[in-house]
């Protein structure tokens, strides 16, 4: 499945009711198809450790493409620059949570990128 086919799948599975519900939690309705996480995770199972696909999906800037990117990327190929670039793109909590849980914590440099609380004060 190509990026175009993935987007077509997202469109087919799109849920206007779920988009409305997501808006209550700060999820930008203009940038989502309204897919629930189990659906995104099921799609991701077909693309494990596909770094190039992840980069392409991230550039599309929708909730689902960015979450899918975090699920399919290869943590061994993620660079610190990529991590910084993606973190700079976070525009609400869910994308941040999904990237950290699904991808960033699995990189070899994850814990070195964390700033201790005492240094933030």
PDB file of N, CA and C in Angstrom:
ATOM      1  N   UNK A   1       0.843  -1.184   0.000  1.00  0.00           N
ATOM      2  CA  UNK A   1       0.000   0.000   0.000  1.00  0.00           C
ATOM      3  C   UNK A   1       0.889   1.248   0.000  1.00  0.00           C
ATOM      4  N   UNK A   2       0.615   2.158  -0.891  1.00  0.00           N
ATOM      5  CA  UNK A   2       1.375   3.401  -0.974  1.00  0.00           C
ATOM      6  C   UNK A   2       0.734   4.450  -0.070  1.00  0.00           C
ATOM      7  N   UNK A   3       1.400   5.584   0.042  1.00  0.00           N
ATOM      8  CA  UNK A   3       0.853   6.686   0.832  1.00  0.00           C
ATOM      9  C   UNK A   3      -0.531   7.067   0.306  1.00  0.00           C
ATOM     10  N   UNK A   4      -0.667   7.120  -1.006  1.00  0.00           N
ATOM     11  CA  UNK A   4      -1.958   7.465  -1.613  1.00  0.00           C
ATOM     12  C   UNK A   4      -3.027   6.457  -1.214  1.00  0.00           C
ATOM     13  N   UNK A   5      -2.677   5.187  -1.226  1.00  0.00           N
ATOM     14  CA  UNK A   5      -3.644   4.150  -0.835  1.00  0.00           C
ATOM     15  C   UNK A   5      -3.989   4.247   0.653  1.00  0.00           C
ATOM     16  N   UNK A   6      -3.013   4.586   1.465  1.00  0.00           N
ATOM     17  CA  UNK A   6      -3.278   4.757   2.900  1.00  0.00           C
ATOM     18  C   UNK A   6      -4.252   5.908   3.110  1.00  0.00           C
ATOM     19  N   UNK A   7      -4.034   7.015   2.423  1.00  0.00           N
ATOM     20  CA  UNK A   7      -4.938   8.168   2.537  1.00  0.00           C
ATOM     21  C   UNK A   7      -6.345   7.794   2.073  1.00  0.00           C
ATOM     22  N   UNK A   8      -6.430   7.045   0.992  1.00  0.00           N
ATOM     23  CA  UNK A   8      -7.744   6.599   0.510  1.00  0.00           C
ATOM     24  C   UNK A   8      -8.438   5.723   1.560  1.00  0.00           C
ATOM     25  N   UNK A   9      -7.664   4.862   2.210  1.00  0.00           N
ATOM     26  CA  UNK A   9      -8.217   4.028   3.279  1.00  0.00           C
ATOM     27  C   UNK A   9      -8.716   4.897   4.420  1.00  0.00           C
ATOM     28  N   UNK A  10      -7.933   5.901   4.803  1.00  0.00           N
ATOM     29  CA  UNK A  10      -8.360   6.824   5.859  1.00  0.00           C
ATOM     30  C   UNK A  10      -9.668   7.515   5.478  1.00  0.00           C
ATOM     31  N   UNK A  11      -9.770   7.952   4.231  1.00  0.00           N
ATOM     32  CA  UNK A  11     -10.990   8.630   3.768  1.00  0.00           C
ATOM     33  C   UNK A  11     -12.196   7.699   3.829  1.00  0.00           C
ATOM     34  N   UNK A  12     -11.999   6.461   3.410  1.00  0.00           N
ATOM     35  CA  UNK A  12     -13.090   5.479   3.436  1.00  0.00           C
ATOM     36  C   UNK A  12     -13.567   5.192   4.856  1.00  0.00           C
ATOM     37  N   UNK A  13     -12.634   5.168   5.802  1.00  0.00           N
ATOM     38  CA  UNK A  13     -12.960   4.836   7.188  1.00  0.00           C
ATOM     39  C   UNK A  13     -13.287   6.061   8.039  1.00  0.00           C
ATOM     40  N   UNK A  14     -13.234   7.238   7.433  1.00  0.00           N
ATOM     41  CA  UNK A  14     -13.449   8.485   8.155  1.00  0.00           C
ATOM     42  C   UNK A  14     -14.796   8.494   8.877  1.00  0.00           C
ATOM     43  N   UNK A  15     -14.801   9.091  10.073  1.00  0.00           N
ATOM     44  CA  UNK A  15     -16.011   9.129  10.880  1.00  0.00           C
ATOM     45  C   UNK A  15     -16.306  10.567  11.318  1.00  0.00           C
ATOM     46  N   UNK A  16     -17.259  11.233  10.657  1.00  0.00           N
ATOM     47  CA  UNK A  16     -17.607  12.612  11.045  1.00  0.00           C
ATOM     48  C   UNK A  16     -18.035  12.730  12.511  1.00  0.00           C
ATOM     49  N   UNK A  17     -18.713  11.719  13.023  1.00  0.00           N
ATOM     50  CA  UNK A  17     -19.135  11.757  14.424  1.00  0.00           C
ATOM     51  C   UNK A  17     -17.924  11.759  15.354  1.00  0.00           C
ATOM     52  N   UNK A  18     -16.932  10.955  15.029  1.00  0.00           N
ATOM     53  CA  UNK A  18     -15.733  10.905  15.866  1.00  0.00           C
ATOM     54  C   UNK A  18     -14.903  12.185  15.729  1.00  0.00           C
ATOM     55  N   UNK A  19     -14.933  12.803  14.570  1.00  0.00           N
ATOM     56  CA  UNK A  19     -14.232  14.074  14.400  1.00  0.00           C
ATOM     57  C   UNK A  19     -14.827  15.111  15.337  1.00  0.00           C
ATOM     58  N   UNK A  20     -16.144  15.182  15.403  1.00  0.00           N
ATOM     59  CA  UNK A  20     -16.807  16.121  16.316  1.00  0.00           C
ATOM     60  C   UNK A  20     -16.418  15.840  17.760  1.00  0.00           C
ATOM     61  N   UNK A  21     -16.394  14.573  18.133  1.00  0.00           N
ATOM     62  CA  UNK A  21     -16.023  14.205  19.496  1.00  0.00           C
ATOM     63  C   UNK A  21     -14.582  14.549  19.820  1.00  0.00           C
ATOM     64  N   UNK A  22     -13.696  14.387  18.858  1.00  0.00           N
ATOM     65  CA  UNK A  22     -12.272  14.676  19.072  1.00  0.00           C
ATOM     66  C   UNK A  22     -12.035  16.164  19.306  1.00  0.00           C
ATOM     67  N   UNK A  23     -12.831  16.992  18.670  1.00  0.00           N
ATOM     68  CA  UNK A  23     -12.668  18.441  18.827  1.00  0.00           C
ATOM     69  C   UNK A  23     -12.828  18.854  20.289  1.00  0.00           C
ATOM     70  N   UNK A  24     -13.658  18.142  21.024  1.00  0.00           N
ATOM     71  CA  UNK A  24     -13.845  18.451  22.458  1.00  0.00           C
ATOM     72  C   UNK A  24     -12.564  18.225  23.255  1.00  0.00           C
ATOM     73  N   UNK A  25     -11.645  17.422  22.729  1.00  0.00           N
ATOM     74  CA  UNK A  25     -10.400  17.118  23.423  1.00  0.00           C
ATOM     75  C   UNK A  25      -9.211  17.879  22.834  1.00  0.00           C
ATOM     76  N   UNK A  26      -9.495  18.903  22.037  1.00  0.00           N
ATOM     77  CA  UNK A  26      -8.429  19.740  21.497  1.00  0.00           C
ATOM     78  C   UNK A  26      -7.780  19.205  20.242  1.00  0.00           C
ATOM     79  N   UNK A  27      -8.385  18.207  19.621  1.00  0.00           N
ATOM     80  CA  UNK A  27      -7.840  17.660  18.380  1.00  0.00           C
ATOM     81  C   UNK A  27      -8.399  18.475  17.225  1.00  0.00           C
ATOM     82  N   UNK A  28      -7.527  19.037  16.432  1.00  0.00           N
ATOM     83  CA  UNK A  28      -7.912  19.936  15.357  1.00  0.00           C
ATOM     84  C   UNK A  28      -8.773  19.207  14.327  1.00  0.00           C
ATOM     85  N   UNK A  29     -10.050  19.566  14.229  1.00  0.00           N
ATOM     86  CA  UNK A  29     -10.938  18.843  13.314  1.00  0.00           C
ATOM     87  C   UNK A  29     -10.572  18.955  11.842  1.00  0.00           C
ATOM     88  N   UNK A  30      -9.873  20.030  11.448  1.00  0.00           N
ATOM     89  CA  UNK A  30      -9.501  20.185  10.035  1.00  0.00           C
ATOM     90  C   UNK A  30      -8.421  19.209   9.619  1.00  0.00           C
ATOM     91  N   UNK A  31      -7.726  18.630  10.586  1.00  0.00           N
ATOM     92  CA  UNK A  31      -6.584  17.772  10.267  1.00  0.00           C
ATOM     93  C   UNK A  31      -6.767  16.346  10.782  1.00  0.00           C
ATOM     94  N   UNK A  32      -7.991  15.855  10.732  1.00  0.00           N
ATOM     95  CA  UNK A  32      -8.214  14.473  11.160  1.00  0.00           C
ATOM     96  C   UNK A  32      -9.288  13.810  10.309  1.00  0.00           C
ATOM     97  N   UNK A  33      -9.165  12.507  10.202  1.00  0.00           N
ATOM     98  CA  UNK A  33     -10.187  11.704   9.539  1.00  0.00           C
ATOM     99  C   UNK A  33     -11.140  11.095  10.565  1.00  0.00           C
ATOM    100  N   UNK A  34     -10.814  11.229  11.829  1.00  0.00           N
ATOM    101  CA  UNK A  34     -11.675  10.714  12.883  1.00  0.00           C
ATOM    102  C   UNK A  34     -11.536   9.224  13.122  1.00  0.00           C
ATOM    103  N   UNK A  35     -10.374   8.658  12.804  1.00  0.00           N
ATOM    104  CA  UNK A  35     -10.180   7.229  13.025  1.00  0.00           C
ATOM    105  C   UNK A  35      -9.775   6.967  14.469  1.00  0.00           C
ATOM    106  N   UNK A  36     -10.290   5.912  15.015  1.00  0.00           N
ATOM    107  CA  UNK A  36      -9.929   5.523  16.377  1.00  0.00           C
ATOM    108  C   UNK A  36      -8.584   4.794  16.364  1.00  0.00           C
ATOM    109  N   UNK A  37      -7.920   4.826  17.504  1.00  0.00           N
ATOM    110  CA  UNK A  37      -6.583   4.231  17.595  1.00  0.00           C
ATOM    111  C   UNK A  37      -6.523   2.760  17.191  1.00  0.00           C
ATOM    112  N   UNK A  38      -7.469   1.906  17.572  1.00  0.00           N
ATOM    113  CA  UNK A  38      -7.363   0.508  17.130  1.00  0.00           C
ATOM    114  C   UNK A  38      -7.326   0.356  15.604  1.00  0.00           C
ATOM    115  N   UNK A  39      -8.030   1.224  14.895  1.00  0.00           N
ATOM    116  CA  UNK A  39      -8.026   1.175  13.426  1.00  0.00           C
ATOM    117  C   UNK A  39      -6.645   1.575  12.895  1.00  0.00           C
ATOM    118  N   UNK A  40      -6.072   2.639  13.452  1.00  0.00           N
ATOM    119  CA  UNK A  40      -4.754   3.086  13.016  1.00  0.00           C
ATOM    120  C   UNK A  40      -3.708   2.010  13.314  1.00  0.00           C
ATOM    121  N   UNK A  41      -3.794   1.411  14.488  1.00  0.00           N
ATOM    122  CA  UNK A  41      -2.829   0.368  14.857  1.00  0.00           C
ATOM    123  C   UNK A  41      -2.951  -0.860  13.955  1.00  0.00           C
ATOM    124  N   UNK A  42      -4.162  -1.179  13.548  1.00  0.00           N
ATOM    125  CA  UNK A  42      -4.354  -2.323  12.645  1.00  0.00           C
ATOM    126  C   UNK A  42      -3.684  -2.047  11.290  1.00  0.00           C
ATOM    127  N   UNK A  43      -3.827  -0.843  10.791  1.00  0.00           N
ATOM    128  CA  UNK A  43      -3.185  -0.465   9.531  1.00  0.00           C
ATOM    129  C   UNK A  43      -1.663  -0.506   9.686  1.00  0.00           C
ATOM    130  N   UNK A  44      -1.172  -0.037  10.827  1.00  0.00           N
ATOM    131  CA  UNK A  44       0.274   0.033  11.073  1.00  0.00           C
ATOM    132  C   UNK A  44       0.942  -1.338  11.045  1.00  0.00           C
ATOM    133  N   UNK A  45       0.227  -2.380  11.399  1.00  0.00           N
ATOM    134  CA  UNK A  45       0.820  -3.726  11.445  1.00  0.00           C
ATOM    135  C   UNK A  45       1.409  -4.159  10.110  1.00  0.00           C
ATOM    136  N   UNK A  46       0.939  -3.568   9.029  1.00  0.00           N
ATOM    137  CA  UNK A  46       1.429  -3.926   7.691  1.00  0.00           C
ATOM    138  C   UNK A  46       2.729  -3.222   7.305  1.00  0.00           C
ATOM    139  N   UNK A  47       3.199  -2.284   8.142  1.00  0.00           N
ATOM    140  CA  UNK A  47       4.307  -1.422   7.726  1.00  0.00           C
ATOM    141  C   UNK A  47       5.395  -1.254   8.768  1.00  0.00           C
ATOM    142  N   UNK A  48       5.635  -2.185   9.612  1.00  0.00           N
ATOM    143  CA  UNK A  48       6.632  -2.035  10.675  1.00  0.00           C
ATOM    144  C   UNK A  48       8.011  -1.705  10.127  1.00  0.00           C
ATOM    145  N   UNK A  49       8.672  -0.762  10.802  1.00  0.00           N
ATOM    146  CA  UNK A  49      10.045  -0.359  10.506  1.00  0.00           C
ATOM    147  C   UNK A  49      10.249   0.134   9.077  1.00  0.00           C
ATOM    148  N   UNK A  50       9.307   0.950   8.612  1.00  0.00           N
ATOM    149  CA  UNK A  50       9.427   1.547   7.277  1.00  0.00           C
ATOM    150  C   UNK A  50       9.696   3.045   7.444  1.00  0.00           C
ATOM    151  N   UNK A  51      10.969   3.372   7.544  1.00  0.00           N
ATOM    152  CA  UNK A  51      11.395   4.746   7.823  1.00  0.00           C
ATOM    153  C   UNK A  51      10.961   5.725   6.734  1.00  0.00           C
ATOM    154  N   UNK A  52      11.147   5.356   5.489  1.00  0.00           N
ATOM    155  CA  UNK A  52      10.789   6.260   4.382  1.00  0.00           C
ATOM    156  C   UNK A  52       9.286   6.530   4.355  1.00  0.00           C
ATOM    157  N   UNK A  53       8.494   5.500   4.585  1.00  0.00           N
ATOM    158  CA  UNK A  53       7.040   5.684   4.644  1.00  0.00           C
ATOM    159  C   UNK A  53       6.687   6.628   5.794  1.00  0.00           C
ATOM    160  N   UNK A  54       7.318   6.438   6.933  1.00  0.00           N
ATOM    161  CA  UNK A  54       7.047   7.289   8.095  1.00  0.00           C
ATOM    162  C   UNK A  54       7.336   8.753   7.781  1.00  0.00           C
ATOM    163  N   UNK A  55       8.461   9.018   7.151  1.00  0.00           N
ATOM    164  CA  UNK A  55       8.804  10.401   6.805  1.00  0.00           C
ATOM    165  C   UNK A  55       7.775  11.002   5.851  1.00  0.00           C
ATOM    166  N   UNK A  56       7.341  10.218   4.886  1.00  0.00           N
ATOM    167  CA  UNK A  56       6.327  10.706   3.934  1.00  0.00           C
ATOM    168  C   UNK A  56       4.997  10.965   4.626  1.00  0.00           C
ATOM    169  N   UNK A  57       4.607  10.058   5.501  1.00  0.00           N
ATOM    170  CA  UNK A  57       3.342  10.231   6.220  1.00  0.00           C
ATOM    171  C   UNK A  57       3.378  11.467   7.115  1.00  0.00           C
ATOM    172  N   UNK A  58       4.501  11.679   7.786  1.00  0.00           N
ATOM    173  CA  UNK A  58       4.610  12.835   8.696  1.00  0.00           C
ATOM    174  C   UNK A  58       4.377  14.147   7.942  1.00  0.00           C
ATOM    175  N   UNK A  59       4.909  14.235   6.737  1.00  0.00           N
ATOM    176  CA  UNK A  59       4.819  15.474   5.960  1.00  0.00           C
ATOM    177  C   UNK A  59       3.390  15.823   5.546  1.00  0.00           C
ATOM    178  N   UNK A  60       2.480  14.880   5.613  1.00  0.00           N
ATOM    179  CA  UNK A  60       1.097  15.130   5.200  1.00  0.00           C
ATOM    180  C   UNK A  60       0.338  15.972   6.236  1.00  0.00           C
ATOM    181  N   UNK A  61       0.727  15.903   7.488  1.00  0.00           N
ATOM    182  CA  UNK A  61       0.165  16.739   8.547  1.00  0.00           C
ATOM    183  C   UNK A  61      -1.322  16.518   8.813  1.00  0.00           C
ATOM    184  N   UNK A  62      -1.682  15.270   9.016  1.00  0.00           N
ATOM    185  CA  UNK A  62      -2.993  14.975   9.590  1.00  0.00           C
ATOM    186  C   UNK A  62      -2.758  14.138  10.839  1.00  0.00           C
ATOM    187  N   UNK A  63      -3.744  14.105  11.694  1.00  0.00           N
ATOM    188  CA  UNK A  63      -3.635  13.320  12.931  1.00  0.00           C
ATOM    189  C   UNK A  63      -3.256  11.881  12.617  1.00  0.00           C
ATOM    190  N   UNK A  64      -3.982  11.260  11.706  1.00  0.00           N
ATOM    191  CA  UNK A  64      -3.781   9.846  11.418  1.00  0.00           C
ATOM    192  C   UNK A  64      -2.449   9.565  10.737  1.00  0.00           C
ATOM    193  N   UNK A  65      -2.033  10.412   9.792  1.00  0.00           N
ATOM    194  CA  UNK A  65      -0.755  10.151   9.129  1.00  0.00           C
ATOM    195  C   UNK A  65       0.408  10.312  10.101  1.00  0.00           C
ATOM    196  N   UNK A  66       0.293  11.264  11.020  1.00  0.00           N
ATOM    197  CA  UNK A  66       1.384  11.463  11.978  1.00  0.00           C
ATOM    198  C   UNK A  66       1.414  10.360  13.032  1.00  0.00           C
ATOM    199  N   UNK A  67       0.265   9.925  13.476  1.00  0.00           N
ATOM    200  CA  UNK A  67       0.252   8.800  14.418  1.00  0.00           C
ATOM    201  C   UNK A  67       0.768   7.544  13.729  1.00  0.00           C
ATOM    202  N   UNK A  68       0.314   7.293  12.507  1.00  0.00           N
ATOM    203  CA  UNK A  68       0.789   6.126  11.768  1.00  0.00           C
ATOM    204  C   UNK A  68       2.301   6.210  11.552  1.00  0.00           C
ATOM    205  N   UNK A  69       2.807   7.395  11.255  1.00  0.00           N
ATOM    206  CA  UNK A  69       4.259   7.573  11.091  1.00  0.00           C
ATOM    207  C   UNK A  69       4.994   7.148  12.355  1.00  0.00           C
ATOM    208  N   UNK A  70       4.460   7.520  13.524  1.00  0.00           N
ATOM    209  CA  UNK A  70       5.116   7.152  14.783  1.00  0.00           C
ATOM    210  C   UNK A  70       5.058   5.655  15.047  1.00  0.00           C
ATOM    211  N   UNK A  71       4.064   5.011  14.502  1.00  0.00           N
ATOM    212  CA  UNK A  71       3.909   3.564  14.690  1.00  0.00           C
ATOM    213  C   UNK A  71       4.769   2.734  13.738  1.00  0.00           C
ATOM    214  N   UNK A  72       5.027   3.257  12.545  1.00  0.00           N
ATOM    215  CA  UNK A  72       5.727   2.439  11.542  1.00  0.00           C
ATOM    216  C   UNK A  72       7.205   2.769  11.389  1.00  0.00           C
ATOM    217  N   UNK A  73       7.657   3.892  11.932  1.00  0.00           N
ATOM    218  CA  UNK A  73       9.062   4.269  11.757  1.00  0.00           C
ATOM    219  C   UNK A  73       9.977   3.276  12.460  1.00  0.00           C
ATOM    220  N   UNK A  74      11.197   3.206  11.992  1.00  0.00           N
ATOM    221  CA  UNK A  74      12.214   2.337  12.582  1.00  0.00           C
ATOM    222  C   UNK A  74      13.017   3.163  13.584  1.00  0.00           C
ATOM    223  N   UNK A  75      12.897   2.890  14.882  1.00  0.00           N
ATOM    224  CA  UNK A  75      13.596   3.702  15.885  1.00  0.00           C
ATOM    225  C   UNK A  75      15.111   3.729  15.693  1.00  0.00           C
ATOM    226  N   UNK A  76      15.659   2.703  15.059  1.00  0.00           N
ATOM    227  CA  UNK A  76      17.107   2.664  14.822  1.00  0.00           C
ATOM    228  C   UNK A  76      17.542   3.671  13.760  1.00  0.00           C
ATOM    229  N   UNK A  77      16.591   4.129  12.932  1.00  0.00           N
ATOM    230  CA  UNK A  77      16.918   5.073  11.862  1.00  0.00           C
ATOM    231  C   UNK A  77      16.525   6.511  12.188  1.00  0.00           C
ATOM    232  N   UNK A  78      15.823   6.704  13.279  1.00  0.00           N
ATOM    233  CA  UNK A  78      15.421   8.054  13.687  1.00  0.00           C
ATOM    234  C   UNK A  78      16.667   8.805  14.160  1.00  0.00           C
ATOM    235  N   UNK A  79      16.808  10.019  13.695  1.00  0.00           N
ATOM    236  CA  UNK A  79      17.934  10.858  14.120  1.00  0.00           C
ATOM    237  C   UNK A  79      17.456  11.854  15.175  1.00  0.00           C
ATOM    238  N   UNK A  80      18.419  12.445  15.861  1.00  0.00           N
ATOM    239  CA  UNK A  80      18.066  13.475  16.831  1.00  0.00           C
ATOM    240  C   UNK A  80      17.442  14.672  16.124  1.00  0.00           C
ATOM    241  N   UNK A  81      17.899  14.978  14.926  1.00  0.00           N
ATOM    242  CA  UNK A  81      17.310  16.080  14.156  1.00  0.00           C
ATOM    243  C   UNK A  81      15.861  15.768  13.810  1.00  0.00           C
ATOM    244  N   UNK A  82      15.580  14.544  13.374  1.00  0.00           N
ATOM    245  CA  UNK A  82      14.200  14.166  13.075  1.00  0.00           C
ATOM    246  C   UNK A  82      13.342  14.312  14.321  1.00  0.00           C
ATOM    247  N   UNK A  83      13.844  13.830  15.454  1.00  0.00           N
ATOM    248  CA  UNK A  83      13.088  13.929  16.695  1.00  0.00           C
ATOM    249  C   UNK A  83      12.778  15.393  17.018  1.00  0.00           C
ATOM    250  N   UNK A  84      13.778  16.255  16.886  1.00  0.00           N
ATOM    251  CA  UNK A  84      13.574  17.686  17.150  1.00  0.00           C
ATOM    252  C   UNK A  84      12.582  18.294  16.161  1.00  0.00           C
ATOM    253  N   UNK A  85      12.733  17.957  14.883  1.00  0.00           N
ATOM    254  CA  UNK A  85      11.822  18.496  13.864  1.00  0.00           C
ATOM    255  C   UNK A  85      10.384  18.069  14.127  1.00  0.00           C
ATOM    256  N   UNK A  86      10.189  16.797  14.419  1.00  0.00           N
ATOM    257  CA  UNK A  86       8.839  16.318  14.690  1.00  0.00           C
ATOM    258  C   UNK A  86       8.283  16.963  15.954  1.00  0.00           C
ATOM    259  N   UNK A  87       9.096  17.057  16.988  1.00  0.00           N
ATOM    260  CA  UNK A  87       8.631  17.680  18.239  1.00  0.00           C
ATOM    261  C   UNK A  87       8.231  19.136  17.996  1.00  0.00           C
ATOM    262  N   UNK A  88       8.950  19.827  17.139  1.00  0.00           N
ATOM    263  CA  UNK A  88       8.587  21.209  16.813  1.00  0.00           C
ATOM    264  C   UNK A  88       7.265  21.301  16.064  1.00  0.00           C
ATOM    265  N   UNK A  89       6.846  20.212  15.435  1.00  0.00           N
ATOM    266  CA  UNK A  89       5.572  20.184  14.714  1.00  0.00           C
ATOM    267  C   UNK A  89       4.380  19.860  15.616  1.00  0.00           C
ATOM    268  N   UNK A  90       4.610  19.394  16.826  1.00  0.00           N
ATOM    269  CA  UNK A  90       3.491  19.031  17.703  1.00  0.00           C
ATOM    270  C   UNK A  90       2.586  20.240  17.895  1.00  0.00           C
ATOM    271  N   UNK A  91       1.290  20.047  17.630  1.00  0.00           N
ATOM    272  CA  UNK A  91       0.365  21.150  17.860  1.00  0.00           C
ATOM    273  C   UNK A  91      -0.727  20.818  18.873  1.00  0.00           C
ATOM    274  N   UNK A  92      -0.704  19.601  19.392  1.00  0.00           N
ATOM    275  CA  UNK A  92      -1.563  19.255  20.515  1.00  0.00           C
ATOM    276  C   UNK A  92      -1.062  17.977  21.164  1.00  0.00           C
ATOM    277  N   UNK A  93      -1.614  17.694  22.306  1.00  0.00           N
ATOM    278  CA  UNK A  93      -1.122  16.643  23.199  1.00  0.00           C
ATOM    279  C   UNK A  93      -1.083  15.252  22.589  1.00  0.00           C
ATOM    280  N   UNK A  94      -2.072  14.876  21.798  1.00  0.00           N
ATOM    281  CA  UNK A  94      -2.149  13.490  21.337  1.00  0.00           C
ATOM    282  C   UNK A  94      -0.974  13.114  20.444  1.00  0.00           C
ATOM    283  N   UNK A  95      -0.589  13.997  19.540  1.00  0.00           N
ATOM    284  CA  UNK A  95       0.537  13.697  18.651  1.00  0.00           C
ATOM    285  C   UNK A  95       1.821  13.563  19.474  1.00  0.00           C
ATOM    286  N   UNK A  96       1.993  14.440  20.434  1.00  0.00           N
ATOM    287  CA  UNK A  96       3.160  14.358  21.327  1.00  0.00           C
ATOM    288  C   UNK A  96       3.174  13.014  22.053  1.00  0.00           C
ATOM    289  N   UNK A  97       2.050  12.654  22.662  1.00  0.00           N
ATOM    290  CA  UNK A  97       1.969  11.390  23.397  1.00  0.00           C
ATOM    291  C   UNK A  97       2.256  10.197  22.499  1.00  0.00           C
ATOM    292  N   UNK A  98       1.641  10.167  21.331  1.00  0.00           N
ATOM    293  CA  UNK A  98       1.803   9.023  20.439  1.00  0.00           C
ATOM    294  C   UNK A  98       3.249   8.894  19.952  1.00  0.00           C
ATOM    295  N   UNK A  99       3.872   9.996  19.596  1.00  0.00           N
ATOM    296  CA  UNK A  99       5.269   9.929  19.134  1.00  0.00           C
ATOM    297  C   UNK A  99       6.199   9.461  20.247  1.00  0.00           C
ATOM    298  N   UNK A 100       5.994   9.978  21.436  1.00  0.00           N
ATOM    299  CA  UNK A 100       6.870   9.584  22.547  1.00  0.00           C
ATOM    300  C   UNK A 100       6.678   8.120  22.921  1.00  0.00           C
ATOM    301  N   UNK A 101       5.428   7.679  22.979  1.00  0.00           N
ATOM    302  CA  UNK A 101       5.123   6.300  23.378  1.00  0.00           C
ATOM    303  C   UNK A 101       5.507   5.302  22.280  1.00  0.00           C
ATOM    304  N   UNK A 102       5.145   5.607  21.055  1.00  0.00           N
ATOM    305  CA  UNK A 102       5.325   4.654  19.954  1.00  0.00           C
ATOM    306  C   UNK A 102       6.732   4.633  19.374  1.00  0.00           C
ATOM    307  N   UNK A 103       7.443   5.770  19.453  1.00  0.00           N
ATOM    308  CA  UNK A 103       8.691   5.858  18.700  1.00  0.00           C
ATOM    309  C   UNK A 103       9.861   6.419  19.501  1.00  0.00           C
ATOM    310  N   UNK A 104       9.745   7.632  19.988  1.00  0.00           N
ATOM    311  CA  UNK A 104      10.902   8.310  20.564  1.00  0.00           C
ATOM    312  C   UNK A 104      11.544   7.532  21.704  1.00  0.00           C
ATOM    313  N   UNK A 105      10.733   6.941  22.567  1.00  0.00           N
ATOM    314  CA  UNK A 105      11.302   6.217  23.708  1.00  0.00           C
ATOM    315  C   UNK A 105      12.104   4.984  23.285  1.00  0.00           C
ATOM    316  N   UNK A 106      11.915   4.536  22.054  1.00  0.00           N
ATOM    317  CA  UNK A 106      12.604   3.352  21.555  1.00  0.00           C
ATOM    318  C   UNK A 106      13.917   3.679  20.841  1.00  0.00           C
ATOM    319  N   UNK A 107      14.211   4.964  20.683  1.00  0.00           N
ATOM    320  CA  UNK A 107      15.456   5.345  20.027  1.00  0.00           C
ATOM    321  C   UNK A 107      16.618   5.174  20.994  1.00  0.00           C
ATOM    322  N   UNK A 108      17.825   4.964  20.486  1.00  0.00           N
ATOM    323  CA  UNK A 108      18.969   4.750  21.372  1.00  0.00           C
ATOM    324  C   UNK A 108      19.349   5.983  22.196  1.00  0.00           C
ATOM    325  N   UNK A 109      18.889   7.159  21.807  1.00  0.00           N
ATOM    326  CA  UNK A 109      19.265   8.391  22.499  1.00  0.00           C
ATOM    327  C   UNK A 109      18.100   9.045  23.237  1.00  0.00           C
ATOM    328  N   UNK A 110      17.002   8.336  23.405  1.00  0.00           N
ATOM    329  CA  UNK A 110      15.795   8.926  23.989  1.00  0.00           C
ATOM    330  C   UNK A 110      16.052   9.587  25.337  1.00  0.00           C
ATOM    331  N   UNK A 111      16.666   8.877  26.228  1.00  0.00           N
ATOM    332  CA  UNK A 111      16.812   9.398  27.582  1.00  0.00           C
ATOM    333  C   UNK A 111      17.849  10.512  27.670  1.00  0.00           C
ATOM    334  N   UNK A 112      18.774  10.563  26.747  1.00  0.00           N
ATOM    335  CA  UNK A 112      19.738  11.662  26.747  1.00  0.00           C
ATOM    336  C   UNK A 112      19.099  12.962  26.252  1.00  0.00           C
ATOM    337  N   UNK A 113      17.942  12.869  25.610  1.00  0.00           N
ATOM    338  CA  UNK A 113      17.242  14.043  25.073  1.00  0.00           C
ATOM    339  C   UNK A 113      16.316  14.690  26.097  1.00  0.00           C
ATOM    340  N   UNK A 114      16.148  14.054  27.240  1.00  0.00           N
ATOM    341  CA  UNK A 114      15.242  14.571  28.264  1.00  0.00           C
ATOM    342  C   UNK A 114      15.988  15.581  29.132  1.00  0.00           C
ATOM    343  N   UNK A 115      15.369  16.725  29.337  1.00  0.00           N
ATOM    344  CA  UNK A 115      15.943  17.737  30.219  1.00  0.00           C
ATOM    345  C   UNK A 115      15.406  17.509  31.635  1.00  0.00           C
ATOM    346  N   UNK A 116      16.293  17.283  32.592  1.00  0.00           N
ATOM    347  CA  UNK A 116      15.822  17.088  33.979  1.00  0.00           C
ATOM    348  C   UNK A 116      15.072  18.320  34.476  1.00  0.00           C
ATOM    349  N   UNK A 117      14.072  18.097  35.299  1.00  0.00           N
ATOM    350  CA  UNK A 117      13.245  19.183  35.815  1.00  0.00           C
ATOM    351  C   UNK A 117      14.074  20.243  36.529  1.00  0.00           C
ATOM    352  N   UNK A 118      15.109  19.852  37.267  1.00  0.00           N
ATOM    353  CA  UNK A 118      15.888  20.833  38.008  1.00  0.00           C
ATOM    354  C   UNK A 118      16.653  21.793  37.063  1.00  0.00           C
ATOM    355  N   UNK A 119      16.872  21.384  35.828  1.00  0.00           N
ATOM    356  CA  UNK A 119      17.555  22.263  34.874  1.00  0.00           C
ATOM    357  C   UNK A 119      16.575  23.185  34.168  1.00  0.00           C
ATOM    358  N   UNK A 120      15.272  22.912  34.298  1.00  0.00           N
ATOM    359  CA  UNK A 120      14.258  23.760  33.691  1.00  0.00           C
ATOM    360  C   UNK A 120      13.936  24.958  34.585  1.00  0.00           C
ATOM    361  N   UNK A 121      14.290  24.884  35.833  1.00  0.00           N
ATOM    362  CA  UNK A 121      13.945  25.958  36.781  1.00  0.00           C
ATOM    363  C   UNK A 121      14.897  27.095  36.698  1.00  0.00           C
TER     364      UNK A 121
END
